[in-house]
Amino acid sequence: MSPQKNASGTLWKVIPHDNGYFQLTPMFVEDKGLVLEGNGGFDSKNTLGGAAFMSPQRDACGTMWKVLPV
């Protein structure tokens, strides 16, 4: 977490897809084609123990996000 400011790591862009999902990329890696990827939960078998990370932009399920009402 970081204080709110106009910093590249705090500015995110939504990349919409036709299927209702979207990808997220921060300003500082947008030109590198990287998007936020989830890591499948907190199971110890998962890489990084569930931590999110940046990965190449592709149509992988871990890079697709959807906002749902709660």
C-alpha atoms as a PDB file:
ATOM      1  CA  MET A   1       0.000   0.000   0.000  1.00  0.00           C
ATOM      2  CA  SER A   2       1.181   3.482  -0.791  1.00  0.00           C
ATOM      3  CA  PRO A   3       0.007   7.000   0.009  1.00  0.00           C
ATOM      4  CA  GLN A   4      -2.300   8.395  -2.676  1.00  0.00           C
ATOM      5  CA  LYS A   5      -0.234  10.334  -5.192  1.00  0.00           C
ATOM      6  CA  ASN A   6       0.317  10.665  -8.919  1.00  0.00           C
ATOM      7  CA  ALA A   7       2.862   7.825  -9.118  1.00  0.00           C
ATOM      8  CA  SER A   8       3.122   5.317 -11.953  1.00  0.00           C
ATOM      9  CA  GLY A   9       2.684   2.259  -9.713  1.00  0.00           C
ATOM     10  CA  THR A  10      -0.588   3.613  -8.345  1.00  0.00           C
ATOM     11  CA  LEU A  11      -2.192   4.410 -11.726  1.00  0.00           C
ATOM     12  CA  TRP A  12      -3.992   1.460 -13.341  1.00  0.00           C
ATOM     13  CA  LYS A  13      -5.604   1.071 -16.747  1.00  0.00           C
ATOM     14  CA  VAL A  14      -8.553  -1.240 -17.480  1.00  0.00           C
ATOM     15  CA  ILE A  15      -8.243  -3.229 -20.726  1.00  0.00           C
ATOM     16  CA  PRO A  16     -11.788  -4.422 -21.605  1.00  0.00           C
ATOM     17  CA  HIS A  17     -12.509  -7.730 -23.351  1.00  0.00           C
ATOM     18  CA  ASP A  18     -15.673  -8.738 -25.233  1.00  0.00           C
ATOM     19  CA  ASN A  19     -16.557 -11.484 -22.721  1.00  0.00           C
ATOM     20  CA  GLY A  20     -17.293  -9.095 -19.825  1.00  0.00           C
ATOM     21  CA  TYR A  21     -13.867  -9.553 -18.288  1.00  0.00           C
ATOM     22  CA  PHE A  22     -10.978  -7.111 -18.251  1.00  0.00           C
ATOM     23  CA  GLN A  23      -7.262  -6.980 -17.596  1.00  0.00           C
ATOM     24  CA  LEU A  24      -5.387  -4.452 -15.446  1.00  0.00           C
ATOM     25  CA  THR A  25      -2.036  -2.873 -16.203  1.00  0.00           C
ATOM     26  CA  PRO A  26      -0.223  -0.172 -14.223  1.00  0.00           C
ATOM     27  CA  MET A  27       1.183   2.844 -16.027  1.00  0.00           C
ATOM     28  CA  PHE A  28       4.818   1.888 -15.406  1.00  0.00           C
ATOM     29  CA  VAL A  29       4.616  -1.413 -17.367  1.00  0.00           C
ATOM     30  CA  GLU A  30       1.850  -0.651 -19.875  1.00  0.00           C
ATOM     31  CA  ASP A  31       4.386  -0.283 -22.701  1.00  0.00           C
ATOM     32  CA  LYS A  32       5.927  -3.670 -21.790  1.00  0.00           C
ATOM     33  CA  GLY A  33       2.649  -5.571 -22.363  1.00  0.00           C
ATOM     34  CA  LEU A  34       2.335  -6.764 -18.752  1.00  0.00           C
ATOM     35  CA  VAL A  35      -0.913  -7.288 -16.841  1.00  0.00           C
ATOM     36  CA  LEU A  36      -1.883  -8.237 -13.291  1.00  0.00           C
ATOM     37  CA  GLU A  37      -2.198 -11.984 -12.762  1.00  0.00           C
ATOM     38  CA  GLY A  38      -3.774 -13.692  -9.766  1.00  0.00           C
ATOM     39  CA  ASN A  39      -2.110 -16.804  -8.411  1.00  0.00           C
ATOM     40  CA  GLY A  40      -4.932 -19.230  -7.736  1.00  0.00           C
ATOM     41  CA  GLY A  41      -5.390 -18.759  -4.020  1.00  0.00           C
ATOM     42  CA  PHE A  42      -3.212 -19.258  -0.990  1.00  0.00           C
ATOM     43  CA  ASP A  43      -2.429 -22.969  -1.400  1.00  0.00           C
ATOM     44  CA  SER A  44       1.272 -23.596  -0.731  1.00  0.00           C
ATOM     45  CA  LYS A  45       1.497 -25.503  -4.052  1.00  0.00           C
ATOM     46  CA  ASN A  46       0.830 -22.284  -5.993  1.00  0.00           C
ATOM     47  CA  THR A  47       3.704 -20.153  -7.169  1.00  0.00           C
ATOM     48  CA  LEU A  48       4.302 -17.251  -4.765  1.00  0.00           C
ATOM     49  CA  GLY A  49       1.814 -18.728  -2.268  1.00  0.00           C
ATOM     50  CA  GLY A  50      -1.134 -16.820  -3.744  1.00  0.00           C
ATOM     51  CA  ALA A  51       0.532 -13.443  -4.321  1.00  0.00           C
ATOM     52  CA  ALA A  52      -0.460 -11.542  -7.457  1.00  0.00           C
ATOM     53  CA  PHE A  53       2.248 -10.644  -9.985  1.00  0.00           C
ATOM     54  CA  MET A  54       2.762  -9.095 -13.420  1.00  0.00           C
ATOM     55  CA  SER A  55       2.789 -11.419 -16.441  1.00  0.00           C
ATOM     56  CA  PRO A  56       2.763 -11.052 -20.246  1.00  0.00           C
ATOM     57  CA  GLN A  57      -0.608  -9.985 -21.645  1.00  0.00           C
ATOM     58  CA  ARG A  58      -2.410 -13.011 -23.060  1.00  0.00           C
ATOM     59  CA  ASP A  59      -5.851 -14.558 -22.689  1.00  0.00           C
ATOM     60  CA  ALA A  60      -4.921 -16.653 -19.647  1.00  0.00           C
ATOM     61  CA  CYS A  61      -7.615 -17.131 -17.001  1.00  0.00           C
ATOM     62  CA  GLY A  62      -5.357 -15.771 -14.230  1.00  0.00           C
ATOM     63  CA  THR A  63      -5.109 -12.422 -16.025  1.00  0.00           C
ATOM     64  CA  MET A  64      -8.855 -11.925 -16.574  1.00  0.00           C
ATOM     65  CA  TRP A  65     -10.848 -10.030 -13.933  1.00  0.00           C
ATOM     66  CA  LYS A  66     -14.549  -9.307 -13.506  1.00  0.00           C
ATOM     67  CA  VAL A  67     -16.337  -7.006 -11.048  1.00  0.00           C
ATOM     68  CA  LEU A  68     -19.353  -8.635  -9.369  1.00  0.00           C
ATOM     69  CA  PRO A  69     -21.884  -7.031  -7.027  1.00  0.00           C
ATOM     70  CA  VAL A  70     -21.840  -8.235  -3.436  1.00  0.00           C
END
